[in-house]
Amino acid sequence: GSERLFSEVALPESIVRAVATGDGPVGALLTLGRALENEPPRTAE
C-alpha cells in the first residue's frame, strides 16, 4: 500500500501530493501522462 511505502521514505510533499491526488504542477504532468495511455482524443494542449 502507498501509505506503507511512503512511510518508508520521506519524499518531497510535491511528489506525495502528485501521486496521491494529482495536485500541483507535478500532478498536472502526471495527469497528462495518464491521459496519453487512453485511446480517445485528449483535451487540446
ModelCIF file with pLDDT and N, C-alpha, C, O atoms, coordinates in Angstrom:
data_MODEL
#
_entry.id   MODEL 
#
_entity.id                         1 
_entity.type                       polymer 
_entity.pdbx_number_of_molecules   1 
#
_entity_poly.entity_id                      1 
_entity_poly.type                           'polypeptide(L)' 
_entity_poly.nstd_linkage                   no 
_entity_poly.nstd_monomer                   no 
_entity_poly.pdbx_seq_one_letter_code       GSERLFSEVALPESIVRAVATGDGPVGALLTLGRALENEPPRTAE 
_entity_poly.pdbx_seq_one_letter_code_can   GSERLFSEVALPESIVRAVATGDGPVGALLTLGRALENEPPRTAE 
_entity_poly.pdbx_strand_id                 A 
#
loop_
_entity_poly_seq.entity_id 
_entity_poly_seq.num 
_entity_poly_seq.mon_id 
_entity_poly_seq.hetero 
1 1  GLY n 
1 2  SER n 
1 3  GLU n 
1 4  ARG n 
1 5  LEU n 
1 6  PHE n 
1 7  SER n 
1 8  GLU n 
1 9  VAL n 
1 10 ALA n 
1 11 LEU n 
1 12 PRO n 
1 13 GLU n 
1 14 SER n 
1 15 ILE n 
1 16 VAL n 
1 17 ARG n 
1 18 ALA n 
1 19 VAL n 
1 20 ALA n 
1 21 THR n 
1 22 GLY n 
1 23 ASP n 
1 24 GLY n 
1 25 PRO n 
1 26 VAL n 
1 27 GLY n 
1 28 ALA n 
1 29 LEU n 
1 30 LEU n 
1 31 THR n 
1 32 LEU n 
1 33 GLY n 
1 34 ARG n 
1 35 ALA n 
1 36 LEU n 
1 37 GLU n 
1 38 ASN n 
1 39 GLU n 
1 40 PRO n 
1 41 PRO n 
1 42 ARG n 
1 43 THR n 
1 44 ALA n 
1 45 GLU n 
#
_struct_asym.id          A 
_struct_asym.entity_id   1 
#
loop_
_ma_qa_metric.id 
_ma_qa_metric.mode 
_ma_qa_metric.name 
_ma_qa_metric.software_group_id 
_ma_qa_metric.type 
1 global pLDDT . pLDDT 
2 local  pLDDT . pLDDT 
#
_ma_qa_metric_global.metric_id      1 
_ma_qa_metric_global.metric_value   80.91 
_ma_qa_metric_global.model_id       1 
_ma_qa_metric_global.ordinal_id     1 
#
loop_
_ma_qa_metric_local.label_asym_id 
_ma_qa_metric_local.label_comp_id 
_ma_qa_metric_local.label_seq_id 
_ma_qa_metric_local.metric_id 
_ma_qa_metric_local.metric_value 
_ma_qa_metric_local.model_id 
_ma_qa_metric_local.ordinal_id 
A GLY 1  2 74.00 1 1  
A SER 2  2 73.00 1 2  
A GLU 3  2 75.00 1 3  
A ARG 4  2 75.00 1 4  
A LEU 5  2 73.00 1 5  
A PHE 6  2 75.00 1 6  
A SER 7  2 74.00 1 7  
A GLU 8  2 69.00 1 8  
A VAL 9  2 66.00 1 9  
A ALA 10 2 67.00 1 10 
A LEU 11 2 74.00 1 11 
A PRO 12 2 77.00 1 12 
A GLU 13 2 81.00 1 13 
A SER 14 2 83.00 1 14 
A ILE 15 2 84.00 1 15 
A VAL 16 2 84.00 1 16 
A ARG 17 2 87.00 1 17 
A ALA 18 2 90.00 1 18 
A VAL 19 2 87.00 1 19 
A ALA 20 2 84.00 1 20 
A THR 21 2 84.00 1 21 
A GLY 22 2 87.00 1 22 
A ASP 23 2 88.00 1 23 
A GLY 24 2 91.00 1 24 
A PRO 25 2 92.00 1 25 
A VAL 26 2 93.00 1 26 
A GLY 27 2 94.00 1 27 
A ALA 28 2 94.00 1 28 
A LEU 29 2 95.00 1 29 
A LEU 30 2 95.00 1 30 
A THR 31 2 93.00 1 31 
A LEU 32 2 94.00 1 32 
A GLY 33 2 95.00 1 33 
A ARG 34 2 94.00 1 34 
A ALA 35 2 92.00 1 35 
A LEU 36 2 95.00 1 36 
A GLU 37 2 93.00 1 37 
A ASN 38 2 83.00 1 38 
A GLU 39 2 72.00 1 39 
A PRO 40 2 63.00 1 40 
A PRO 41 2 58.00 1 41 
A ARG 42 2 58.00 1 42 
A THR 43 2 59.00 1 43 
A ALA 44 2 61.00 1 44 
A GLU 45 2 66.00 1 45 
#
loop_
_atom_site.group_PDB 
_atom_site.id 
_atom_site.type_symbol 
_atom_site.label_atom_id 
_atom_site.label_alt_id 
_atom_site.label_comp_id 
_atom_site.label_asym_id 
_atom_site.label_entity_id 
_atom_site.label_seq_id 
_atom_site.pdbx_PDB_ins_code 
_atom_site.Cartn_x 
_atom_site.Cartn_y 
_atom_site.Cartn_z 
_atom_site.occupancy 
_atom_site.B_iso_or_equiv 
_atom_site.pdbx_formal_charge 
_atom_site.auth_seq_id 
_atom_site.auth_comp_id 
_atom_site.auth_asym_id 
_atom_site.auth_atom_id 
_atom_site.pdbx_PDB_model_num 
ATOM 1   N N  . GLY A 1 1  ? 0.802  -1.210 0.000   1.00 74.00 ? 1  GLY A N  1 
ATOM 2   C CA . GLY A 1 1  ? 0.000  0.000  0.000   1.00 74.00 ? 1  GLY A CA 1 
ATOM 3   C C  . GLY A 1 1  ? 0.839  1.267  0.000   1.00 74.00 ? 1  GLY A C  1 
ATOM 4   O O  . GLY A 1 1  ? 1.943  1.290  0.545   1.00 74.00 ? 1  GLY A O  1 
ATOM 5   N N  . SER A 1 2  ? 0.305  2.333  -0.622  1.00 73.00 ? 2  SER A N  1 
ATOM 6   C CA . SER A 1 2  ? 1.057  3.579  -0.748  1.00 73.00 ? 2  SER A CA 1 
ATOM 7   C C  . SER A 1 2  ? 1.380  4.195  0.613   1.00 73.00 ? 2  SER A C  1 
ATOM 8   O O  . SER A 1 2  ? 2.457  4.766  0.786   1.00 73.00 ? 2  SER A O  1 
ATOM 9   N N  . GLU A 1 3  ? 0.474  4.090  1.574   1.00 75.00 ? 3  GLU A N  1 
ATOM 10  C CA . GLU A 1 3  ? 0.741  4.659  2.895   1.00 75.00 ? 3  GLU A CA 1 
ATOM 11  C C  . GLU A 1 3  ? 1.950  3.988  3.533   1.00 75.00 ? 3  GLU A C  1 
ATOM 12  O O  . GLU A 1 3  ? 2.796  4.651  4.133   1.00 75.00 ? 3  GLU A O  1 
ATOM 13  N N  . ARG A 1 4  ? 2.023  2.684  3.399   1.00 75.00 ? 4  ARG A N  1 
ATOM 14  C CA . ARG A 1 4  ? 3.145  1.941  3.953   1.00 75.00 ? 4  ARG A CA 1 
ATOM 15  C C  . ARG A 1 4  ? 4.444  2.273  3.205   1.00 75.00 ? 4  ARG A C  1 
ATOM 16  O O  . ARG A 1 4  ? 5.502  2.427  3.815   1.00 75.00 ? 4  ARG A O  1 
ATOM 17  N N  . LEU A 1 5  ? 4.341  2.381  1.856   1.00 73.00 ? 5  LEU A N  1 
ATOM 18  C CA . LEU A 1 5  ? 5.529  2.719  1.073   1.00 73.00 ? 5  LEU A CA 1 
ATOM 19  C C  . LEU A 1 5  ? 6.069  4.094  1.435   1.00 73.00 ? 5  LEU A C  1 
ATOM 20  O O  . LEU A 1 5  ? 7.267  4.256  1.667   1.00 73.00 ? 5  LEU A O  1 
ATOM 21  N N  . PHE A 1 6  ? 5.184  5.082  1.483   1.00 75.00 ? 6  PHE A N  1 
ATOM 22  C CA . PHE A 1 6  ? 5.626  6.444  1.753   1.00 75.00 ? 6  PHE A CA 1 
ATOM 23  C C  . PHE A 1 6  ? 6.122  6.608  3.188   1.00 75.00 ? 6  PHE A C  1 
ATOM 24  O O  . PHE A 1 6  ? 6.872  7.537  3.486   1.00 75.00 ? 6  PHE A O  1 
ATOM 25  N N  . SER A 1 7  ? 5.705  5.708  4.072   1.00 74.00 ? 7  SER A N  1 
ATOM 26  C CA . SER A 1 7  ? 6.215  5.785  5.435   1.00 74.00 ? 7  SER A CA 1 
ATOM 27  C C  . SER A 1 7  ? 7.658  5.308  5.528   1.00 74.00 ? 7  SER A C  1 
ATOM 28  O O  . SER A 1 7  ? 8.357  5.603  6.498   1.00 74.00 ? 7  SER A O  1 
ATOM 29  N N  . GLU A 1 8  ? 8.104  4.558  4.500   1.00 69.00 ? 8  GLU A N  1 
ATOM 30  C CA . GLU A 1 8  ? 9.466  4.026  4.496   1.00 69.00 ? 8  GLU A CA 1 
ATOM 31  C C  . GLU A 1 8  ? 10.503 5.068  4.082   1.00 69.00 ? 8  GLU A C  1 
ATOM 32  O O  . GLU A 1 8  ? 11.688 4.923  4.381   1.00 69.00 ? 8  GLU A O  1 
ATOM 33  N N  . VAL A 1 9  ? 10.051 6.124  3.390   1.00 66.00 ? 9  VAL A N  1 
ATOM 34  C CA . VAL A 1 9  ? 10.992 7.125  2.886   1.00 66.00 ? 9  VAL A CA 1 
ATOM 35  C C  . VAL A 1 9  ? 10.298 8.477  2.835   1.00 66.00 ? 9  VAL A C  1 
ATOM 36  O O  . VAL A 1 9  ? 9.143  8.584  2.424   1.00 66.00 ? 9  VAL A O  1 
ATOM 37  N N  . ALA A 1 10 ? 11.018 9.504  3.257   1.00 67.00 ? 10 ALA A N  1 
ATOM 38  C CA . ALA A 1 10 ? 10.446 10.851 3.307   1.00 67.00 ? 10 ALA A CA 1 
ATOM 39  C C  . ALA A 1 10 ? 10.649 11.554 1.967   1.00 67.00 ? 10 ALA A C  1 
ATOM 40  O O  . ALA A 1 10 ? 11.633 12.269 1.775   1.00 67.00 ? 10 ALA A O  1 
ATOM 41  N N  . LEU A 1 11 ? 9.716  11.346 1.048   1.00 74.00 ? 11 LEU A N  1 
ATOM 42  C CA . LEU A 1 11 ? 9.780  12.019 -0.241  1.00 74.00 ? 11 LEU A CA 1 
ATOM 43  C C  . LEU A 1 11 ? 9.244  13.446 -0.121  1.00 74.00 ? 11 LEU A C  1 
ATOM 44  O O  . LEU A 1 11 ? 8.479  13.739 0.797   1.00 74.00 ? 11 LEU A O  1 
ATOM 45  N N  . PRO A 1 12 ? 9.638  14.344 -1.045  1.00 77.00 ? 12 PRO A N  1 
ATOM 46  C CA . PRO A 1 12 ? 9.095  15.704 -1.020  1.00 77.00 ? 12 PRO A CA 1 
ATOM 47  C C  . PRO A 1 12 ? 7.573  15.698 -1.099  1.00 77.00 ? 12 PRO A C  1 
ATOM 48  O O  . PRO A 1 12 ? 6.979  14.841 -1.753  1.00 77.00 ? 12 PRO A O  1 
ATOM 49  N N  . GLU A 1 13 ? 6.954  16.655 -0.430  1.00 81.00 ? 13 GLU A N  1 
ATOM 50  C CA . GLU A 1 13 ? 5.497  16.730 -0.397  1.00 81.00 ? 13 GLU A CA 1 
ATOM 51  C C  . GLU A 1 13 ? 4.916  16.866 -1.801  1.00 81.00 ? 13 GLU A C  1 
ATOM 52  O O  . GLU A 1 13 ? 3.827  16.358 -2.068  1.00 81.00 ? 13 GLU A O  1 
ATOM 53  N N  . SER A 1 14 ? 5.629  17.544 -2.701  1.00 83.00 ? 14 SER A N  1 
ATOM 54  C CA . SER A 1 14 ? 5.118  17.726 -4.062  1.00 83.00 ? 14 SER A CA 1 
ATOM 55  C C  . SER A 1 14 ? 4.942  16.388 -4.770  1.00 83.00 ? 14 SER A C  1 
ATOM 56  O O  . SER A 1 14 ? 4.002  16.215 -5.546  1.00 83.00 ? 14 SER A O  1 
ATOM 57  N N  . ILE A 1 15 ? 5.846  15.436 -4.505  1.00 84.00 ? 15 ILE A N  1 
ATOM 58  C CA . ILE A 1 15 ? 5.745  14.116 -5.127  1.00 84.00 ? 15 ILE A CA 1 
ATOM 59  C C  . ILE A 1 15 ? 4.601  13.327 -4.506  1.00 84.00 ? 15 ILE A C  1 
ATOM 60  O O  . ILE A 1 15 ? 3.822  12.692 -5.217  1.00 84.00 ? 15 ILE A O  1 
ATOM 61  N N  . VAL A 1 16 ? 4.498  13.365 -3.187  1.00 84.00 ? 16 VAL A N  1 
ATOM 62  C CA . VAL A 1 16 ? 3.440  12.623 -2.500  1.00 84.00 ? 16 VAL A CA 1 
ATOM 63  C C  . VAL A 1 16 ? 2.069  13.121 -2.950  1.00 84.00 ? 16 VAL A C  1 
ATOM 64  O O  . VAL A 1 16 ? 1.176  12.320 -3.224  1.00 84.00 ? 16 VAL A O  1 
ATOM 65  N N  . ARG A 1 17 ? 1.900  14.451 -3.026  1.00 87.00 ? 17 ARG A N  1 
ATOM 66  C CA . ARG A 1 17 ? 0.608  15.014 -3.444  1.00 87.00 ? 17 ARG A CA 1 
ATOM 67  C C  . ARG A 1 17 ? 0.310  14.682 -4.902  1.00 87.00 ? 17 ARG A C  1 
ATOM 68  O O  . ARG A 1 17 ? -0.838 14.409 -5.254  1.00 87.00 ? 17 ARG A O  1 
ATOM 69  N N  . ALA A 1 18 ? 1.336  14.704 -5.753  1.00 90.00 ? 18 ALA A N  1 
ATOM 70  C CA . ALA A 1 18 ? 1.128  14.394 -7.167  1.00 90.00 ? 18 ALA A CA 1 
ATOM 71  C C  . ALA A 1 18 ? 0.618  12.971 -7.340  1.00 90.00 ? 18 ALA A C  1 
ATOM 72  O O  . ALA A 1 18 ? -0.309 12.727 -8.112  1.00 90.00 ? 18 ALA A O  1 
ATOM 73  N N  . VAL A 1 19 ? 1.230  12.023 -6.613  1.00 87.00 ? 19 VAL A N  1 
ATOM 74  C CA . VAL A 1 19 ? 0.850  10.619 -6.744  1.00 87.00 ? 19 VAL A CA 1 
ATOM 75  C C  . VAL A 1 19 ? -0.505 10.358 -6.091  1.00 87.00 ? 19 VAL A C  1 
ATOM 76  O O  . VAL A 1 19 ? -1.331 9.627  -6.638  1.00 87.00 ? 19 VAL A O  1 
ATOM 77  N N  . ALA A 1 20 ? -0.733 10.956 -4.922  1.00 84.00 ? 20 ALA A N  1 
ATOM 78  C CA . ALA A 1 20 ? -1.944 10.660 -4.156  1.00 84.00 ? 20 ALA A CA 1 
ATOM 79  C C  . ALA A 1 20 ? -3.182 11.339 -4.720  1.00 84.00 ? 20 ALA A C  1 
ATOM 80  O O  . ALA A 1 20 ? -4.252 10.734 -4.769  1.00 84.00 ? 20 ALA A O  1 
ATOM 81  N N  . THR A 1 21 ? -3.047 12.596 -5.149  1.00 84.00 ? 21 THR A N  1 
ATOM 82  C CA . THR A 1 21 ? -4.228 13.378 -5.536  1.00 84.00 ? 21 THR A CA 1 
ATOM 83  C C  . THR A 1 21 ? -4.118 14.069 -6.889  1.00 84.00 ? 21 THR A C  1 
ATOM 84  O O  . THR A 1 21 ? -5.102 14.625 -7.377  1.00 84.00 ? 21 THR A O  1 
ATOM 85  N N  . GLY A 1 22 ? -2.940 14.045 -7.502  1.00 87.00 ? 22 GLY A N  1 
ATOM 86  C CA . GLY A 1 22 ? -2.770 14.742 -8.772  1.00 87.00 ? 22 GLY A CA 1 
ATOM 87  C C  . GLY A 1 22 ? -2.640 16.242 -8.622  1.00 87.00 ? 22 GLY A C  1 
ATOM 88  O O  . GLY A 1 22 ? -2.791 16.970 -9.603  1.00 87.00 ? 22 GLY A O  1 
ATOM 89  N N  . ASP A 1 23 ? -2.365 16.722 -7.428  1.00 88.00 ? 23 ASP A N  1 
ATOM 90  C CA . ASP A 1 23 ? -2.277 18.161 -7.181  1.00 88.00 ? 23 ASP A CA 1 
ATOM 91  C C  . ASP A 1 23 ? -0.920 18.715 -7.605  1.00 88.00 ? 23 ASP A C  1 
ATOM 92  O O  . ASP A 1 23 ? 0.065  17.984 -7.713  1.00 88.00 ? 23 ASP A O  1 
ATOM 93  N N  . GLY A 1 24 ? -0.897 20.029 -7.843  1.00 91.00 ? 24 GLY A N  1 
ATOM 94  C CA . GLY A 1 24 ? 0.350  20.731 -8.105  1.00 91.00 ? 24 GLY A CA 1 
ATOM 95  C C  . GLY A 1 24 ? 0.839  20.559 -9.526  1.00 91.00 ? 24 GLY A C  1 
ATOM 96  O O  . GLY A 1 24 ? 0.249  19.800 -10.295 1.00 91.00 ? 24 GLY A O  1 
ATOM 97  N N  . PRO A 1 25 ? 1.920  21.257 -9.894  1.00 92.00 ? 25 PRO A N  1 
ATOM 98  C CA . PRO A 1 25 ? 2.441  21.164 -11.265 1.00 92.00 ? 25 PRO A CA 1 
ATOM 99  C C  . PRO A 1 25 ? 2.937  19.770 -11.622 1.00 92.00 ? 25 PRO A C  1 
ATOM 100 O O  . PRO A 1 25 ? 2.798  19.342 -12.768 1.00 92.00 ? 25 PRO A O  1 
ATOM 101 N N  . VAL A 1 26 ? 3.514  19.055 -10.662 1.00 93.00 ? 26 VAL A N  1 
ATOM 102 C CA . VAL A 1 26 ? 3.934  17.676 -10.949 1.00 93.00 ? 26 VAL A CA 1 
ATOM 103 C C  . VAL A 1 26 ? 2.707  16.798 -11.161 1.00 93.00 ? 26 VAL A C  1 
ATOM 104 O O  . VAL A 1 26 ? 2.696  15.939 -12.044 1.00 93.00 ? 26 VAL A O  1 
ATOM 105 N N  . GLY A 1 27 ? 1.675  17.014 -10.352 1.00 94.00 ? 27 GLY A N  1 
ATOM 106 C CA . GLY A 1 27 ? 0.439  16.261 -10.512 1.00 94.00 ? 27 GLY A CA 1 
ATOM 107 C C  . GLY A 1 27 ? -0.225 16.503 -11.856 1.00 94.00 ? 27 GLY A C  1 
ATOM 108 O O  . GLY A 1 27 ? -0.812 15.590 -12.436 1.00 94.00 ? 27 GLY A O  1 
ATOM 109 N N  . ALA A 1 28 ? -0.134 17.745 -12.357 1.00 94.00 ? 28 ALA A N  1 
ATOM 110 C CA . ALA A 1 28 ? -0.718 18.054 -13.665 1.00 94.00 ? 28 ALA A CA 1 
ATOM 111 C C  . ALA A 1 28 ? -0.010 17.284 -14.772 1.00 94.00 ? 28 ALA A C  1 
ATOM 112 O O  . ALA A 1 28 ? -0.655 16.798 -15.701 1.00 94.00 ? 28 ALA A O  1 
ATOM 113 N N  . LEU A 1 29 ? 1.304  17.170 -14.681 1.00 95.00 ? 29 LEU A N  1 
ATOM 114 C CA . LEU A 1 29 ? 2.053  16.403 -15.676 1.00 95.00 ? 29 LEU A CA 1 
ATOM 115 C C  . LEU A 1 29 ? 1.733  14.911 -15.579 1.00 95.00 ? 29 LEU A C  1 
ATOM 116 O O  . LEU A 1 29 ? 1.658  14.220 -16.596 1.00 95.00 ? 29 LEU A O  1 
ATOM 117 N N  . LEU A 1 30 ? 1.547  14.418 -14.353 1.00 95.00 ? 30 LEU A N  1 
ATOM 118 C CA . LEU A 1 30 ? 1.187  13.011 -14.174 1.00 95.00 ? 30 LEU A CA 1 
ATOM 119 C C  . LEU A 1 30 ? -0.196 12.744 -14.757 1.00 95.00 ? 30 LEU A C  1 
ATOM 120 O O  . LEU A 1 30 ? -0.414 11.709 -15.386 1.00 95.00 ? 30 LEU A O  1 
ATOM 121 N N  . THR A 1 31 ? -1.129 13.667 -14.555 1.00 93.00 ? 31 THR A N  1 
ATOM 122 C CA . THR A 1 31 ? -2.472 13.514 -15.121 1.00 93.00 ? 31 THR A CA 1 
ATOM 123 C C  . THR A 1 31 ? -2.415 13.466 -16.642 1.00 93.00 ? 31 THR A C  1 
ATOM 124 O O  . THR A 1 31 ? -3.111 12.665 -17.267 1.00 93.00 ? 31 THR A O  1 
ATOM 125 N N  . LEU A 1 32 ? -1.587 14.320 -17.238 1.00 94.00 ? 32 LEU A N  1 
ATOM 126 C CA . LEU A 1 32 ? -1.428 14.310 -18.691 1.00 94.00 ? 32 LEU A CA 1 
ATOM 127 C C  . LEU A 1 32 ? -0.798 13.000 -19.153 1.00 94.00 ? 32 LEU A C  1 
ATOM 128 O O  . LEU A 1 32 ? -1.232 12.417 -20.147 1.00 94.00 ? 32 LEU A O  1 
ATOM 129 N N  . GLY A 1 33 ? 0.227  12.536 -18.433 1.00 95.00 ? 33 GLY A N  1 
ATOM 130 C CA . GLY A 1 33 ? 0.855  11.270 -18.800 1.00 95.00 ? 33 GLY A CA 1 
ATOM 131 C C  . GLY A 1 33 ? -0.136 10.121 -18.784 1.00 95.00 ? 33 GLY A C  1 
ATOM 132 O O  . GLY A 1 33 ? -0.108 9.260  -19.663 1.00 95.00 ? 33 GLY A O  1 
ATOM 133 N N  . ARG A 1 34 ? -1.016 10.105 -17.783 1.00 94.00 ? 34 ARG A N  1 
ATOM 134 C CA . ARG A 1 34 ? -2.041 9.057  -17.721 1.00 94.00 ? 34 ARG A CA 1 
ATOM 135 C C  . ARG A 1 34 ? -3.014 9.180  -18.886 1.00 94.00 ? 34 ARG A C  1 
ATOM 136 O O  . ARG A 1 34 ? -3.449 8.173  -19.444 1.00 94.00 ? 34 ARG A O  1 
ATOM 137 N N  . ALA A 1 35 ? -3.358 10.419 -19.255 1.00 92.00 ? 35 ALA A N  1 
ATOM 138 C CA . ALA A 1 35 ? -4.302 10.626 -20.348 1.00 92.00 ? 35 ALA A CA 1 
ATOM 139 C C  . ALA A 1 35 ? -3.774 10.094 -21.667 1.00 92.00 ? 35 ALA A C  1 
ATOM 140 O O  . ALA A 1 35 ? -4.554 9.670  -22.520 1.00 92.00 ? 35 ALA A O  1 
ATOM 141 N N  . LEU A 1 36 ? -2.468 10.107 -21.847 1.00 95.00 ? 36 LEU A N  1 
ATOM 142 C CA . LEU A 1 36 ? -1.878 9.638  -23.094 1.00 95.00 ? 36 LEU A CA 1 
ATOM 143 C C  . LEU A 1 36 ? -1.939 8.124  -23.233 1.00 95.00 ? 36 LEU A C  1 
ATOM 144 O O  . LEU A 1 36 ? -1.628 7.583  -24.294 1.00 95.00 ? 36 LEU A O  1 
ATOM 145 N N  . GLU A 1 37 ? -2.337 7.440  -22.169 1.00 93.00 ? 37 GLU A N  1 
ATOM 146 C CA . GLU A 1 37 ? -2.427 5.980  -22.195 1.00 93.00 ? 37 GLU A CA 1 
ATOM 147 C C  . GLU A 1 37 ? -3.810 5.492  -22.580 1.00 93.00 ? 37 GLU A C  1 
ATOM 148 O O  . GLU A 1 37 ? -4.094 4.298  -22.492 1.00 93.00 ? 37 GLU A O  1 
ATOM 149 N N  . ASN A 1 38 ? -4.677 6.408  -23.009 1.00 83.00 ? 38 ASN A N  1 
ATOM 150 C CA . ASN A 1 38 ? -6.043 6.060  -23.388 1.00 83.00 ? 38 ASN A CA 1 
ATOM 151 C C  . ASN A 1 38 ? -6.293 6.488  -24.824 1.00 83.00 ? 38 ASN A C  1 
ATOM 152 O O  . ASN A 1 38 ? -5.745 7.487  -25.289 1.00 83.00 ? 38 ASN A O  1 
ATOM 153 N N  . GLU A 1 39 ? -7.115 5.734  -25.516 1.00 72.00 ? 39 GLU A N  1 
ATOM 154 C CA . GLU A 1 39 ? -7.266 5.975  -26.942 1.00 72.00 ? 39 GLU A CA 1 
ATOM 155 C C  . GLU A 1 39 ? -8.077 7.212  -27.291 1.00 72.00 ? 39 GLU A C  1 
ATOM 156 O O  . GLU A 1 39 ? -7.713 7.872  -28.264 1.00 72.00 ? 39 GLU A O  1 
ATOM 157 N N  . PRO A 1 40 ? -9.148 7.592  -26.585 1.00 63.00 ? 40 PRO A N  1 
ATOM 158 C CA . PRO A 1 40 ? -9.923 8.759  -27.023 1.00 63.00 ? 40 PRO A CA 1 
ATOM 159 C C  . PRO A 1 40 ? -9.066 10.016 -27.101 1.00 63.00 ? 40 PRO A C  1 
ATOM 160 O O  . PRO A 1 40 ? -8.112 10.154 -26.335 1.00 63.00 ? 40 PRO A O  1 
ATOM 161 N N  . PRO A 1 41 ? -9.390 10.944 -28.020 1.00 58.00 ? 41 PRO A N  1 
ATOM 162 C CA . PRO A 1 41 ? -8.593 12.170 -28.148 1.00 58.00 ? 41 PRO A CA 1 
ATOM 163 C C  . PRO A 1 41 ? -8.532 12.938 -26.839 1.00 58.00 ? 41 PRO A C  1 
ATOM 164 O O  . PRO A 1 41 ? -9.514 13.011 -26.101 1.00 58.00 ? 41 PRO A O  1 
ATOM 165 N N  . ARG A 1 42 ? -7.385 13.502 -26.565 1.00 58.00 ? 42 ARG A N  1 
ATOM 166 C CA . ARG A 1 42 ? -7.199 14.250 -25.327 1.00 58.00 ? 42 ARG A CA 1 
ATOM 167 C C  . ARG A 1 42 ? -7.666 15.692 -25.515 1.00 58.00 ? 42 ARG A C  1 
ATOM 168 O O  . ARG A 1 42 ? -7.927 16.132 -26.635 1.00 58.00 ? 42 ARG A O  1 
ATOM 169 N N  . THR A 1 43 ? -7.768 16.416 -24.408 1.00 59.00 ? 43 THR A N  1 
ATOM 170 C CA . THR A 1 43 ? -8.070 17.831 -24.459 1.00 59.00 ? 43 THR A CA 1 
ATOM 171 C C  . THR A 1 43 ? -6.924 18.560 -25.137 1.00 59.00 ? 43 THR A C  1 
ATOM 172 O O  . THR A 1 43 ? -5.757 18.239 -24.913 1.00 59.00 ? 43 THR A O  1 
ATOM 173 N N  . ALA A 1 44 ? -7.257 19.544 -25.968 1.00 61.00 ? 44 ALA A N  1 
ATOM 174 C CA . ALA A 1 44 ? -6.223 20.273 -26.713 1.00 61.00 ? 44 ALA A CA 1 
ATOM 175 C C  . ALA A 1 44 ? -5.211 20.906 -25.759 1.00 61.00 ? 44 ALA A C  1 
ATOM 176 O O  . ALA A 1 44 ? -5.581 21.460 -24.724 1.00 61.00 ? 44 ALA A O  1 
ATOM 177 N N  . GLU A 1 45 ? -3.934 20.815 -26.119 1.00 66.00 ? 45 GLU A N  1 
ATOM 178 C CA . GLU A 1 45 ? -2.851 21.373 -25.330 1.00 66.00 ? 45 GLU A CA 1 
ATOM 179 C C  . GLU A 1 45 ? -2.149 22.470 -26.121 1.00 66.00 ? 45 GLU A C  1 
ATOM 180 O O  . GLU A 1 45 ? -1.196 23.074 -25.627 1.00 66.00 ? 45 GLU A O  1 
#
